[in-house]
Amino acid sequence: MYKKALLAIVLGTAVLTACSSSSPQPPEEAQKEQVAKAAPFIGLYSGVTPCASCEGIELNLSINADTTYDLKTTYIGSADKSSISDMAFMESGVYKIDDDIVTLITPSSGNETYFKLLDDGNLLRVSEDGSEPLEPMRDLYILKKVQ
């Protein structure tokens, strides 16, 4: 009787194990998947976006293969020379990718900045919900891929 009960438990366990879903991806597979998703975004982007109190904001963005980014922001020419005119700020952080949106995350502040990958390989600054700037301003928020 004991042997039959033991056999039933062993068979039941074998059936349950065989029917269970697959295990989560190993870390190496998840990393390969993230690198594959990042491939179209990796590179150096540059552009000048509008500024209310200066001539423009020059952005130089480097998206790296290791899920980090570096962003140099330079405020160009202001009528008020005592302001932030021609000052450059460096920022580094990590990014994540969801479909065609790359989210830059600044670790020190937690701020997030969003860009959409366009069909031509350039990036467009978008809002948190992915909304694009309206025409005719849309093209003023494009960073061109330079490398």
N, C-alpha and C. Protein backbone atom coordinates (compact mmCIF):
# COMPACT_ATOMS: atom_id res chain seq x y z
N MET A 1 0.82 -1.18 0.00
CA MET A 1 0.00 0.00 0.00
C MET A 1 0.88 1.26 0.00
N TYR A 2 1.93 1.23 0.80
CA TYR A 2 2.85 2.35 0.90
C TYR A 2 3.51 2.64 -0.45
N LYS A 3 3.89 1.56 -1.18
CA LYS A 3 4.54 1.71 -2.48
C LYS A 3 3.59 2.37 -3.48
N LYS A 4 2.29 2.02 -3.44
CA LYS A 4 1.32 2.62 -4.36
C LYS A 4 1.15 4.10 -4.07
N ALA A 5 1.10 4.49 -2.82
CA ALA A 5 0.96 5.90 -2.45
C ALA A 5 2.19 6.70 -2.89
N LEU A 6 3.36 6.13 -2.67
CA LEU A 6 4.60 6.77 -3.07
C LEU A 6 4.66 6.92 -4.58
N LEU A 7 4.24 5.88 -5.30
CA LEU A 7 4.22 5.91 -6.76
C LEU A 7 3.26 7.00 -7.24
N ALA A 8 2.10 7.13 -6.61
CA ALA A 8 1.11 8.14 -6.99
C ALA A 8 1.69 9.55 -6.78
N ILE A 9 2.39 9.77 -5.68
CA ILE A 9 2.99 11.08 -5.41
C ILE A 9 4.06 11.40 -6.44
N VAL A 10 4.92 10.44 -6.74
CA VAL A 10 5.99 10.65 -7.72
C VAL A 10 5.40 10.96 -9.09
N LEU A 11 4.41 10.18 -9.52
CA LEU A 11 3.79 10.41 -10.83
C LEU A 11 3.08 11.77 -10.87
N GLY A 12 2.39 12.11 -9.79
CA GLY A 12 1.70 13.40 -9.72
C GLY A 12 2.67 14.56 -9.82
N THR A 13 3.77 14.45 -9.14
CA THR A 13 4.81 15.49 -9.19
C THR A 13 5.39 15.60 -10.58
N ALA A 14 5.64 14.48 -11.23
CA ALA A 14 6.19 14.47 -12.58
C ALA A 14 5.24 15.14 -13.55
N VAL A 15 3.94 14.86 -13.45
CA VAL A 15 2.95 15.46 -14.34
C VAL A 15 2.88 16.96 -14.12
N LEU A 16 2.84 17.40 -12.87
CA LEU A 16 2.79 18.83 -12.58
C LEU A 16 4.03 19.57 -13.06
N THR A 17 5.17 18.95 -12.89
CA THR A 17 6.42 19.57 -13.35
C THR A 17 6.45 19.69 -14.86
N ALA A 18 5.99 18.68 -15.55
CA ALA A 18 5.99 18.68 -17.01
C ALA A 18 5.02 19.72 -17.56
N CYS A 19 3.94 20.00 -16.84
CA CYS A 19 2.92 20.93 -17.32
C CYS A 19 3.16 22.37 -16.88
N SER A 20 4.13 22.59 -16.04
CA SER A 20 4.35 23.95 -15.55
C SER A 20 4.90 24.82 -16.67
N SER A 21 4.68 26.14 -16.54
CA SER A 21 5.15 27.07 -17.56
C SER A 21 6.67 27.18 -17.50
N SER A 22 7.22 27.74 -18.56
CA SER A 22 8.67 27.87 -18.62
C SER A 22 9.14 28.89 -17.60
N SER A 23 10.36 28.74 -17.18
CA SER A 23 10.93 29.63 -16.17
C SER A 23 11.25 30.98 -16.80
N PRO A 24 11.40 32.04 -15.98
CA PRO A 24 11.76 33.34 -16.51
C PRO A 24 13.10 33.27 -17.25
N GLN A 25 13.29 34.27 -18.13
CA GLN A 25 14.53 34.30 -18.89
C GLN A 25 15.73 34.42 -17.96
N PRO A 26 16.79 33.68 -18.27
CA PRO A 26 18.02 33.87 -17.49
C PRO A 26 18.53 35.29 -17.71
N PRO A 27 19.30 35.83 -16.77
CA PRO A 27 19.79 37.21 -16.89
C PRO A 27 20.50 37.48 -18.22
N GLU A 28 21.25 36.51 -18.72
CA GLU A 28 21.99 36.73 -19.97
C GLU A 28 21.02 36.95 -21.12
N GLU A 29 19.91 36.21 -21.15
CA GLU A 29 18.92 36.36 -22.22
C GLU A 29 18.22 37.70 -22.12
N ALA A 30 17.86 38.11 -20.91
CA ALA A 30 17.20 39.40 -20.72
C ALA A 30 18.13 40.53 -21.16
N GLN A 31 19.41 40.40 -20.86
CA GLN A 31 20.38 41.43 -21.26
C GLN A 31 20.52 41.47 -22.78
N LYS A 32 20.56 40.31 -23.42
CA LYS A 32 20.65 40.27 -24.89
C LYS A 32 19.43 40.92 -25.52
N GLU A 33 18.26 40.69 -24.92
CA GLU A 33 17.02 41.27 -25.44
C GLU A 33 17.06 42.79 -25.31
N GLN A 34 17.54 43.30 -24.17
CA GLN A 34 17.64 44.74 -23.96
C GLN A 34 18.62 45.37 -24.95
N VAL A 35 19.74 44.72 -25.18
CA VAL A 35 20.74 45.23 -26.13
C VAL A 35 20.14 45.26 -27.53
N ALA A 36 19.39 44.24 -27.90
CA ALA A 36 18.76 44.20 -29.23
C ALA A 36 17.74 45.34 -29.37
N LYS A 37 16.97 45.61 -28.32
CA LYS A 37 16.00 46.71 -28.35
C LYS A 37 16.70 48.05 -28.45
N ALA A 38 17.87 48.17 -27.83
CA ALA A 38 18.59 49.44 -27.79
C ALA A 38 19.35 49.74 -29.07
N ALA A 39 19.66 48.73 -29.86
CA ALA A 39 20.53 48.90 -31.03
C ALA A 39 20.13 50.07 -31.94
N PRO A 40 18.85 50.24 -32.30
CA PRO A 40 18.51 51.36 -33.19
C PRO A 40 18.72 52.73 -32.55
N PHE A 41 18.76 52.81 -31.22
CA PHE A 41 18.88 54.08 -30.52
C PHE A 41 20.33 54.48 -30.26
N ILE A 42 21.24 53.52 -30.24
CA ILE A 42 22.62 53.80 -29.84
C ILE A 42 23.27 54.75 -30.83
N GLY A 43 23.89 55.80 -30.28
CA GLY A 43 24.58 56.76 -31.13
C GLY A 43 24.62 58.14 -30.50
N LEU A 44 25.08 59.11 -31.29
CA LEU A 44 25.20 60.49 -30.86
C LEU A 44 24.19 61.32 -31.64
N TYR A 45 23.43 62.13 -30.91
CA TYR A 45 22.39 62.97 -31.50
C TYR A 45 22.65 64.42 -31.12
N SER A 46 22.27 65.34 -32.02
CA SER A 46 22.51 66.75 -31.76
C SER A 46 21.40 67.59 -32.37
N GLY A 47 21.10 68.71 -31.70
CA GLY A 47 20.10 69.63 -32.22
C GLY A 47 19.97 70.84 -31.32
N VAL A 48 19.24 71.85 -31.82
CA VAL A 48 18.97 73.05 -31.05
C VAL A 48 17.45 73.18 -30.94
N THR A 49 16.97 73.21 -29.70
CA THR A 49 15.54 73.32 -29.45
C THR A 49 15.21 74.74 -29.00
N PRO A 50 13.93 75.13 -29.08
CA PRO A 50 13.53 76.49 -28.69
C PRO A 50 13.78 76.78 -27.21
N CYS A 51 13.94 78.06 -26.94
CA CYS A 51 14.15 78.54 -25.56
C CYS A 51 13.39 79.86 -25.40
N ALA A 52 12.65 80.01 -24.32
CA ALA A 52 11.85 81.21 -24.09
C ALA A 52 12.72 82.42 -23.75
N SER A 53 13.86 82.19 -23.10
CA SER A 53 14.67 83.32 -22.63
C SER A 53 16.06 83.38 -23.26
N CYS A 54 16.27 82.61 -24.33
CA CYS A 54 17.57 82.65 -25.02
C CYS A 54 17.34 82.31 -26.49
N GLU A 55 18.42 82.27 -27.25
CA GLU A 55 18.31 81.99 -28.68
C GLU A 55 18.00 80.53 -28.98
N GLY A 56 18.36 79.65 -28.07
CA GLY A 56 18.10 78.22 -28.27
C GLY A 56 18.84 77.38 -27.25
N ILE A 57 18.45 76.12 -27.19
CA ILE A 57 19.10 75.18 -26.28
C ILE A 57 19.73 74.09 -27.13
N GLU A 58 21.06 74.06 -27.12
CA GLU A 58 21.78 73.03 -27.87
C GLU A 58 21.87 71.76 -27.03
N LEU A 59 21.43 70.65 -27.63
CA LEU A 59 21.47 69.36 -26.95
C LEU A 59 22.40 68.42 -27.71
N ASN A 60 23.31 67.79 -26.99
CA ASN A 60 24.17 66.75 -27.53
C ASN A 60 23.97 65.52 -26.65
N LEU A 61 23.35 64.51 -27.23
CA LEU A 61 22.94 63.33 -26.49
C LEU A 61 23.66 62.10 -27.02
N SER A 62 24.31 61.38 -26.11
CA SER A 62 24.97 60.12 -26.46
C SER A 62 24.21 58.99 -25.77
N ILE A 63 23.66 58.08 -26.57
CA ILE A 63 22.98 56.91 -26.03
C ILE A 63 23.94 55.74 -26.21
N ASN A 64 24.32 55.14 -25.10
CA ASN A 64 25.36 54.12 -25.09
C ASN A 64 24.77 52.70 -25.04
N ALA A 65 25.55 51.73 -25.50
CA ALA A 65 25.09 50.34 -25.56
C ALA A 65 24.86 49.73 -24.18
N ASP A 66 25.47 50.29 -23.15
CA ASP A 66 25.35 49.72 -21.80
C ASP A 66 24.16 50.28 -21.01
N THR A 67 23.16 50.83 -21.70
CA THR A 67 21.94 51.45 -21.14
C THR A 67 22.22 52.69 -20.31
N THR A 68 23.30 53.40 -20.62
CA THR A 68 23.56 54.69 -20.01
C THR A 68 23.49 55.76 -21.10
N TYR A 69 23.36 57.01 -20.65
CA TYR A 69 23.38 58.12 -21.59
C TYR A 69 24.17 59.28 -20.99
N ASP A 70 24.63 60.17 -21.87
CA ASP A 70 25.29 61.41 -21.48
C ASP A 70 24.63 62.53 -22.28
N LEU A 71 24.24 63.57 -21.59
CA LEU A 71 23.56 64.70 -22.24
C LEU A 71 24.25 65.99 -21.86
N LYS A 72 24.67 66.75 -22.89
CA LYS A 72 25.24 68.07 -22.68
C LYS A 72 24.20 69.08 -23.17
N THR A 73 23.80 69.98 -22.28
CA THR A 73 22.80 71.00 -22.60
C THR A 73 23.47 72.36 -22.51
N THR A 74 23.43 73.13 -23.61
CA THR A 74 24.04 74.46 -23.65
C THR A 74 22.98 75.49 -24.01
N TYR A 75 22.81 76.49 -23.15
CA TYR A 75 21.89 77.58 -23.42
C TYR A 75 22.63 78.63 -24.23
N ILE A 76 22.10 78.94 -25.41
CA ILE A 76 22.80 79.80 -26.37
C ILE A 76 22.27 81.23 -26.30
N GLY A 77 23.19 82.18 -26.22
CA GLY A 77 22.91 83.61 -26.33
C GLY A 77 21.62 84.13 -25.73
N SER A 78 21.74 84.90 -24.70
CA SER A 78 20.58 85.52 -24.06
C SER A 78 20.80 87.03 -24.03
N ALA A 79 19.70 87.78 -24.11
CA ALA A 79 19.81 89.24 -24.04
C ALA A 79 20.36 89.66 -22.68
N ASP A 80 20.03 88.90 -21.66
CA ASP A 80 20.50 89.17 -20.30
C ASP A 80 21.78 88.38 -20.07
N LYS A 81 22.92 89.03 -20.18
CA LYS A 81 24.21 88.35 -20.09
C LYS A 81 24.49 87.78 -18.69
N SER A 82 23.73 88.19 -17.70
CA SER A 82 23.94 87.66 -16.36
C SER A 82 23.20 86.34 -16.15
N SER A 83 22.42 85.93 -17.14
CA SER A 83 21.65 84.69 -17.00
C SER A 83 22.51 83.48 -17.36
N ILE A 84 21.86 82.40 -17.70
CA ILE A 84 22.58 81.15 -17.98
C ILE A 84 23.09 81.09 -19.42
N SER A 85 23.12 82.21 -20.10
CA SER A 85 23.56 82.27 -21.49
C SER A 85 24.92 81.60 -21.68
N ASP A 86 24.99 80.76 -22.67
CA ASP A 86 26.22 80.06 -23.07
C ASP A 86 26.80 79.18 -21.97
N MET A 87 25.98 78.80 -21.02
CA MET A 87 26.42 77.87 -19.98
C MET A 87 26.07 76.46 -20.41
N ALA A 88 26.96 75.54 -20.13
CA ALA A 88 26.74 74.14 -20.48
C ALA A 88 26.56 73.31 -19.21
N PHE A 89 25.67 72.35 -19.30
CA PHE A 89 25.41 71.44 -18.19
C PHE A 89 25.55 70.01 -18.68
N MET A 90 26.23 69.19 -17.91
CA MET A 90 26.40 67.77 -18.25
C MET A 90 25.50 66.95 -17.33
N GLU A 91 24.91 65.94 -17.91
CA GLU A 91 24.03 65.05 -17.17
C GLU A 91 24.27 63.63 -17.67
N SER A 92 24.29 62.69 -16.77
CA SER A 92 24.44 61.29 -17.13
C SER A 92 23.39 60.49 -16.38
N GLY A 93 23.01 59.39 -16.96
CA GLY A 93 22.02 58.55 -16.30
C GLY A 93 21.83 57.25 -17.05
N VAL A 94 20.69 56.66 -16.84
CA VAL A 94 20.34 55.41 -17.49
C VAL A 94 19.10 55.64 -18.35
N TYR A 95 18.85 54.71 -19.26
CA TYR A 95 17.65 54.82 -20.08
C TYR A 95 16.94 53.48 -20.14
N LYS A 96 15.67 53.56 -20.51
CA LYS A 96 14.89 52.36 -20.77
C LYS A 96 14.15 52.58 -22.09
N ILE A 97 13.79 51.49 -22.72
CA ILE A 97 13.14 51.55 -24.03
C ILE A 97 11.82 50.81 -23.97
N ASP A 98 10.78 51.48 -24.46
CA ASP A 98 9.46 50.88 -24.63
C ASP A 98 9.03 51.18 -26.05
N ASP A 99 8.99 50.14 -26.88
CA ASP A 99 8.65 50.29 -28.30
C ASP A 99 9.61 51.29 -28.95
N ASP A 100 9.07 52.44 -29.43
CA ASP A 100 9.93 53.41 -30.11
C ASP A 100 10.23 54.63 -29.24
N ILE A 101 10.02 54.50 -27.93
CA ILE A 101 10.28 55.61 -26.99
C ILE A 101 11.45 55.25 -26.09
N VAL A 102 12.42 56.16 -26.02
CA VAL A 102 13.52 56.01 -25.07
C VAL A 102 13.28 57.01 -23.94
N THR A 103 13.35 56.52 -22.71
CA THR A 103 13.16 57.35 -21.53
C THR A 103 14.51 57.53 -20.85
N LEU A 104 14.97 58.78 -20.77
CA LEU A 104 16.21 59.09 -20.07
C LEU A 104 15.86 59.34 -18.61
N ILE A 105 16.55 58.67 -17.72
CA ILE A 105 16.28 58.79 -16.28
C ILE A 105 17.51 59.36 -15.60
N THR A 106 17.34 60.51 -14.96
CA THR A 106 18.42 61.15 -14.23
C THR A 106 18.42 60.63 -12.80
N PRO A 107 19.44 59.85 -12.40
CA PRO A 107 19.44 59.24 -11.07
C PRO A 107 19.39 60.25 -9.92
N SER A 108 20.06 61.38 -10.05
CA SER A 108 20.12 62.33 -8.94
C SER A 108 18.77 62.96 -8.63
N SER A 109 17.92 63.13 -9.65
CA SER A 109 16.63 63.80 -9.44
C SER A 109 15.44 62.89 -9.70
N GLY A 110 15.66 61.82 -10.45
CA GLY A 110 14.55 60.96 -10.83
C GLY A 110 13.77 61.51 -12.02
N ASN A 111 14.19 62.67 -12.54
CA ASN A 111 13.51 63.26 -13.70
C ASN A 111 13.61 62.33 -14.91
N GLU A 112 12.56 62.35 -15.71
CA GLU A 112 12.53 61.54 -16.92
C GLU A 112 12.31 62.44 -18.13
N THR A 113 13.03 62.17 -19.21
CA THR A 113 12.91 62.90 -20.46
C THR A 113 12.64 61.86 -21.54
N TYR A 114 11.73 62.18 -22.47
CA TYR A 114 11.26 61.19 -23.45
C TYR A 114 11.60 61.62 -24.87
N PHE A 115 12.07 60.64 -25.65
CA PHE A 115 12.33 60.85 -27.06
C PHE A 115 11.74 59.68 -27.85
N LYS A 116 11.24 60.00 -29.02
CA LYS A 116 10.68 58.98 -29.91
C LYS A 116 11.64 58.77 -31.08
N LEU A 117 11.92 57.51 -31.39
CA LEU A 117 12.77 57.19 -32.54
C LEU A 117 11.93 57.32 -33.80
N LEU A 118 12.37 58.18 -34.70
CA LEU A 118 11.66 58.40 -35.96
C LEU A 118 12.15 57.42 -37.02
N ASP A 119 11.38 57.29 -38.08
CA ASP A 119 11.72 56.35 -39.16
C ASP A 119 13.07 56.65 -39.79
N ASP A 120 13.49 57.93 -39.78
CA ASP A 120 14.77 58.30 -40.40
C ASP A 120 15.96 58.13 -39.45
N GLY A 121 15.72 57.61 -38.23
CA GLY A 121 16.80 57.37 -37.28
C GLY A 121 17.07 58.51 -36.34
N ASN A 122 16.36 59.63 -36.51
CA ASN A 122 16.52 60.77 -35.61
C ASN A 122 15.60 60.61 -34.40
N LEU A 123 15.78 61.48 -33.40
CA LEU A 123 14.95 61.45 -32.20
C LEU A 123 14.10 62.70 -32.12
N LEU A 124 12.87 62.54 -31.65
CA LEU A 124 11.94 63.65 -31.45
C LEU A 124 11.59 63.74 -29.98
N ARG A 125 11.75 64.90 -29.38
CA ARG A 125 11.37 65.10 -27.97
C ARG A 125 9.86 65.02 -27.88
N VAL A 126 9.36 64.16 -26.99
CA VAL A 126 7.92 63.98 -26.81
C VAL A 126 7.56 64.12 -25.34
N SER A 127 6.26 64.20 -25.07
CA SER A 127 5.80 64.29 -23.69
C SER A 127 5.76 62.90 -23.06
N GLU A 128 5.44 62.85 -21.79
CA GLU A 128 5.42 61.59 -21.04
C GLU A 128 4.48 60.56 -21.67
N ASP A 129 3.36 61.03 -22.23
CA ASP A 129 2.41 60.10 -22.84
C ASP A 129 2.72 59.81 -24.31
N GLY A 130 3.85 60.32 -24.80
CA GLY A 130 4.27 60.07 -26.17
C GLY A 130 3.73 61.06 -27.18
N SER A 131 3.01 62.08 -26.71
CA SER A 131 2.47 63.09 -27.62
C SER A 131 3.59 63.90 -28.24
N GLU A 132 3.47 64.12 -29.54
CA GLU A 132 4.47 64.89 -30.27
C GLU A 132 4.11 66.38 -30.25
N PRO A 133 5.12 67.26 -30.36
CA PRO A 133 4.83 68.69 -30.50
C PRO A 133 4.00 68.92 -31.77
N LEU A 134 3.16 69.92 -31.74
CA LEU A 134 2.30 70.23 -32.88
C LEU A 134 3.07 70.98 -33.96
N GLU A 135 2.62 70.85 -35.20
CA GLU A 135 3.17 71.63 -36.30
C GLU A 135 2.84 73.09 -36.04
N PRO A 136 3.62 74.02 -36.41
CA PRO A 136 4.88 73.92 -37.15
C PRO A 136 6.09 73.76 -36.24
N MET A 137 5.87 73.60 -34.93
CA MET A 137 6.98 73.52 -33.97
C MET A 137 7.64 72.14 -33.93
N ARG A 138 7.00 71.11 -34.45
CA ARG A 138 7.47 69.73 -34.32
C ARG A 138 8.94 69.58 -34.72
N ASP A 139 9.29 70.11 -35.88
CA ASP A 139 10.65 69.93 -36.40
C ASP A 139 11.72 70.61 -35.54
N LEU A 140 11.31 71.55 -34.69
CA LEU A 140 12.26 72.25 -33.83
C LEU A 140 12.70 71.39 -32.64
N TYR A 141 12.05 70.25 -32.45
CA TYR A 141 12.36 69.36 -31.32
C TYR A 141 13.01 68.05 -31.76
N ILE A 142 13.58 68.05 -32.97
CA ILE A 142 14.24 66.86 -33.49
C ILE A 142 15.74 66.95 -33.24
N LEU A 143 16.29 65.86 -32.72
CA LEU A 143 17.76 65.72 -32.60
C LEU A 143 18.20 64.80 -33.72
N LYS A 144 19.13 65.25 -34.51
CA LYS A 144 19.61 64.48 -35.65
C LYS A 144 20.73 63.55 -35.22
N LYS A 145 20.68 62.33 -35.75
CA LYS A 145 21.74 61.36 -35.46
C LYS A 145 22.98 61.74 -36.24
N VAL A 146 24.08 61.96 -35.52
CA VAL A 146 25.32 62.39 -36.18
C VAL A 146 26.38 61.30 -36.16
N GLN A 147 26.14 60.24 -35.41
CA GLN A 147 27.14 59.16 -35.34
C GLN A 147 26.49 57.87 -34.93
